[in-house]
Amino acid sequence: MTNDSITVEIEKSLEILGLPKLITKDDIKKRYRYLAKRHHPDRGGSTDKMEEISSAYRLLMHYIDHFRYGFDEAEISRQYPESSHSIRFKF
């Protein structure tokens, strides 16, 4: 996975949850709970929308748990330096 694709996935997840790039783990949890209550199938929401929200939540939480709290492109690049290195030296 390249830095660009990781950045795109993270930005898409932030957009799905309606979050800015500079957030905390608690911000993600609060927003997820709010959206889950609004879009849960048991409350008349769509299963597809709920899966999209859950998937975005899991991706962002995985990133925070294993890396850092910032989601800007420079931070993501620092967390995945090997992928930009491998792209530069690809034959």
C-alpha atoms as a PDB file:
ATOM      1  CA  MET A   1       0.000   0.000   0.000  1.00  0.00           C
ATOM      2  CA  THR A   2       1.428   3.380  -0.989  1.00  0.00           C
ATOM      3  CA  ASN A   3       1.373   6.614   0.961  1.00  0.00           C
ATOM      4  CA  ASP A   4      -1.071   8.079  -1.548  1.00  0.00           C
ATOM      5  CA  SER A   5      -3.569   5.241  -1.170  1.00  0.00           C
ATOM      6  CA  ILE A   6      -3.261   5.301   2.617  1.00  0.00           C
ATOM      7  CA  THR A   7      -3.770   9.067   2.632  1.00  0.00           C
ATOM      8  CA  VAL A   8      -6.823   8.739   0.379  1.00  0.00           C
ATOM      9  CA  GLU A   9      -8.366   6.040   2.603  1.00  0.00           C
ATOM     10  CA  ILE A  10      -7.803   8.067   5.757  1.00  0.00           C
ATOM     11  CA  GLU A  11      -9.157  11.256   4.192  1.00  0.00           C
ATOM     12  CA  LYS A  12     -12.205   9.350   2.933  1.00  0.00           C
ATOM     13  CA  SER A  13     -12.787   7.928   6.428  1.00  0.00           C
ATOM     14  CA  LEU A  14     -12.519  11.375   7.986  1.00  0.00           C
ATOM     15  CA  GLU A  15     -15.012  12.688   5.441  1.00  0.00           C
ATOM     16  CA  ILE A  16     -17.461   9.827   6.100  1.00  0.00           C
ATOM     17  CA  LEU A  17     -17.383  10.576   9.818  1.00  0.00           C
ATOM     18  CA  GLY A  18     -17.377  14.336   9.251  1.00  0.00           C
ATOM     19  CA  LEU A  19     -14.161  14.916  11.182  1.00  0.00           C
ATOM     20  CA  PRO A  20     -11.265  17.373  10.733  1.00  0.00           C
ATOM     21  CA  LYS A  21      -7.678  16.157  10.310  1.00  0.00           C
ATOM     22  CA  LEU A  22      -6.522  17.154  13.790  1.00  0.00           C
ATOM     23  CA  ILE A  23      -8.557  15.064  16.226  1.00  0.00           C
ATOM     24  CA  THR A  24      -8.244  12.792  19.218  1.00  0.00           C
ATOM     25  CA  LYS A  25      -9.257   9.200  19.725  1.00  0.00           C
ATOM     26  CA  ASP A  26     -12.109  10.415  21.917  1.00  0.00           C
ATOM     27  CA  ASP A  27     -13.360  12.664  19.092  1.00  0.00           C
ATOM     28  CA  ILE A  28     -13.541   9.671  16.767  1.00  0.00           C
ATOM     29  CA  LYS A  29     -15.412   7.573  19.323  1.00  0.00           C
ATOM     30  CA  LYS A  30     -17.946  10.328  20.053  1.00  0.00           C
ATOM     31  CA  ARG A  31     -18.609  10.978  16.383  1.00  0.00           C
ATOM     32  CA  TYR A  32     -18.934   7.265  15.625  1.00  0.00           C
ATOM     33  CA  ARG A  33     -21.467   6.783  18.429  1.00  0.00           C
ATOM     34  CA  TYR A  34     -23.465   9.783  17.253  1.00  0.00           C
ATOM     35  CA  LEU A  35     -23.569   8.563  13.636  1.00  0.00           C
ATOM     36  CA  ALA A  36     -24.242   4.958  14.667  1.00  0.00           C
ATOM     37  CA  LYS A  37     -27.316   6.075  16.600  1.00  0.00           C
ATOM     38  CA  ARG A  38     -28.594   8.051  13.606  1.00  0.00           C
ATOM     39  CA  HIS A  39     -27.885   5.425  10.927  1.00  0.00           C
ATOM     40  CA  HIS A  40     -28.285   2.091  12.695  1.00  0.00           C
ATOM     41  CA  PRO A  41     -30.617  -0.291  10.807  1.00  0.00           C
ATOM     42  CA  ASP A  42     -32.626  -0.941  13.979  1.00  0.00           C
ATOM     43  CA  ARG A  43     -33.496   2.761  14.019  1.00  0.00           C
ATOM     44  CA  GLY A  44     -34.503   2.932  10.370  1.00  0.00           C
ATOM     45  CA  GLY A  45     -31.038   3.495   8.918  1.00  0.00           C
ATOM     46  CA  SER A  46     -29.323   1.745   6.044  1.00  0.00           C
ATOM     47  CA  THR A  47     -27.083  -1.283   6.580  1.00  0.00           C
ATOM     48  CA  ASP A  48     -24.793  -0.002   3.811  1.00  0.00           C
ATOM     49  CA  LYS A  49     -24.397   3.390   5.478  1.00  0.00           C
ATOM     50  CA  MET A  50     -23.783   1.767   8.851  1.00  0.00           C
ATOM     51  CA  GLU A  51     -21.104  -0.493   7.350  1.00  0.00           C
ATOM     52  CA  GLU A  52     -19.460   2.538   5.725  1.00  0.00           C
ATOM     53  CA  ILE A  53     -19.424   4.356   9.078  1.00  0.00           C
ATOM     54  CA  SER A  54     -18.107   1.286  10.924  1.00  0.00           C
ATOM     55  CA  SER A  55     -15.392   0.689   8.348  1.00  0.00           C
ATOM     56  CA  ALA A  56     -14.234   4.325   8.563  1.00  0.00           C
ATOM     57  CA  TYR A  57     -14.221   4.099  12.358  1.00  0.00           C
ATOM     58  CA  ARG A  58     -12.142   0.901  12.349  1.00  0.00           C
ATOM     59  CA  LEU A  59      -9.583   2.349   9.933  1.00  0.00           C
ATOM     60  CA  LEU A  60      -9.109   5.551  11.937  1.00  0.00           C
ATOM     61  CA  MET A  61      -8.929   3.722  15.261  1.00  0.00           C
ATOM     62  CA  HIS A  62      -6.375   1.291  13.845  1.00  0.00           C
ATOM     63  CA  TYR A  63      -4.267   4.203  12.631  1.00  0.00           C
ATOM     64  CA  ILE A  64      -4.462   5.976  15.995  1.00  0.00           C
ATOM     65  CA  ASP A  65      -3.784   2.817  18.005  1.00  0.00           C
ATOM     66  CA  HIS A  66      -0.738   1.928  15.949  1.00  0.00           C
ATOM     67  CA  PHE A  67       0.623   5.265  14.814  1.00  0.00           C
ATOM     68  CA  ARG A  68      -0.270   8.865  15.697  1.00  0.00           C
ATOM     69  CA  TYR A  69      -3.177  11.224  16.199  1.00  0.00           C
ATOM     70  CA  GLY A  70      -2.632  13.455  13.168  1.00  0.00           C
ATOM     71  CA  PHE A  71      -4.100  12.631   9.772  1.00  0.00           C
ATOM     72  CA  ASP A  72      -2.370  15.147   7.549  1.00  0.00           C
ATOM     73  CA  GLU A  73      -0.360  13.905   4.572  1.00  0.00           C
ATOM     74  CA  ALA A  74       3.027  14.729   6.127  1.00  0.00           C
ATOM     75  CA  GLU A  75       2.180  12.700   9.249  1.00  0.00           C
ATOM     76  CA  ILE A  76       0.978   9.735   7.220  1.00  0.00           C
ATOM     77  CA  SER A  77       4.166   9.865   5.133  1.00  0.00           C
ATOM     78  CA  ARG A  78       6.251   9.787   8.315  1.00  0.00           C
ATOM     79  CA  GLN A  79       4.366   6.698   9.466  1.00  0.00           C
ATOM     80  CA  TYR A  80       4.854   4.864   6.150  1.00  0.00           C
ATOM     81  CA  PRO A  81       8.316   5.949   4.977  1.00  0.00           C
ATOM     82  CA  GLU A  82       9.104   2.610   3.331  1.00  0.00           C
ATOM     83  CA  SER A  83       6.339   2.919   0.749  1.00  0.00           C
ATOM     84  CA  SER A  84       7.586   6.230  -0.646  1.00  0.00           C
ATOM     85  CA  HIS A  85      11.121   4.826  -0.612  1.00  0.00           C
ATOM     86  CA  SER A  86      10.084   1.729  -2.561  1.00  0.00           C
ATOM     87  CA  ILE A  87       8.252   3.846  -5.152  1.00  0.00           C
ATOM     88  CA  ARG A  88      11.305   6.050  -5.764  1.00  0.00           C
ATOM     89  CA  PHE A  89      13.557   3.059  -6.375  1.00  0.00           C
ATOM     90  CA  LYS A  90      11.157   0.889  -8.371  1.00  0.00           C
ATOM     91  CA  PHE A  91      12.632  -0.639 -11.531  1.00  0.00           C
END
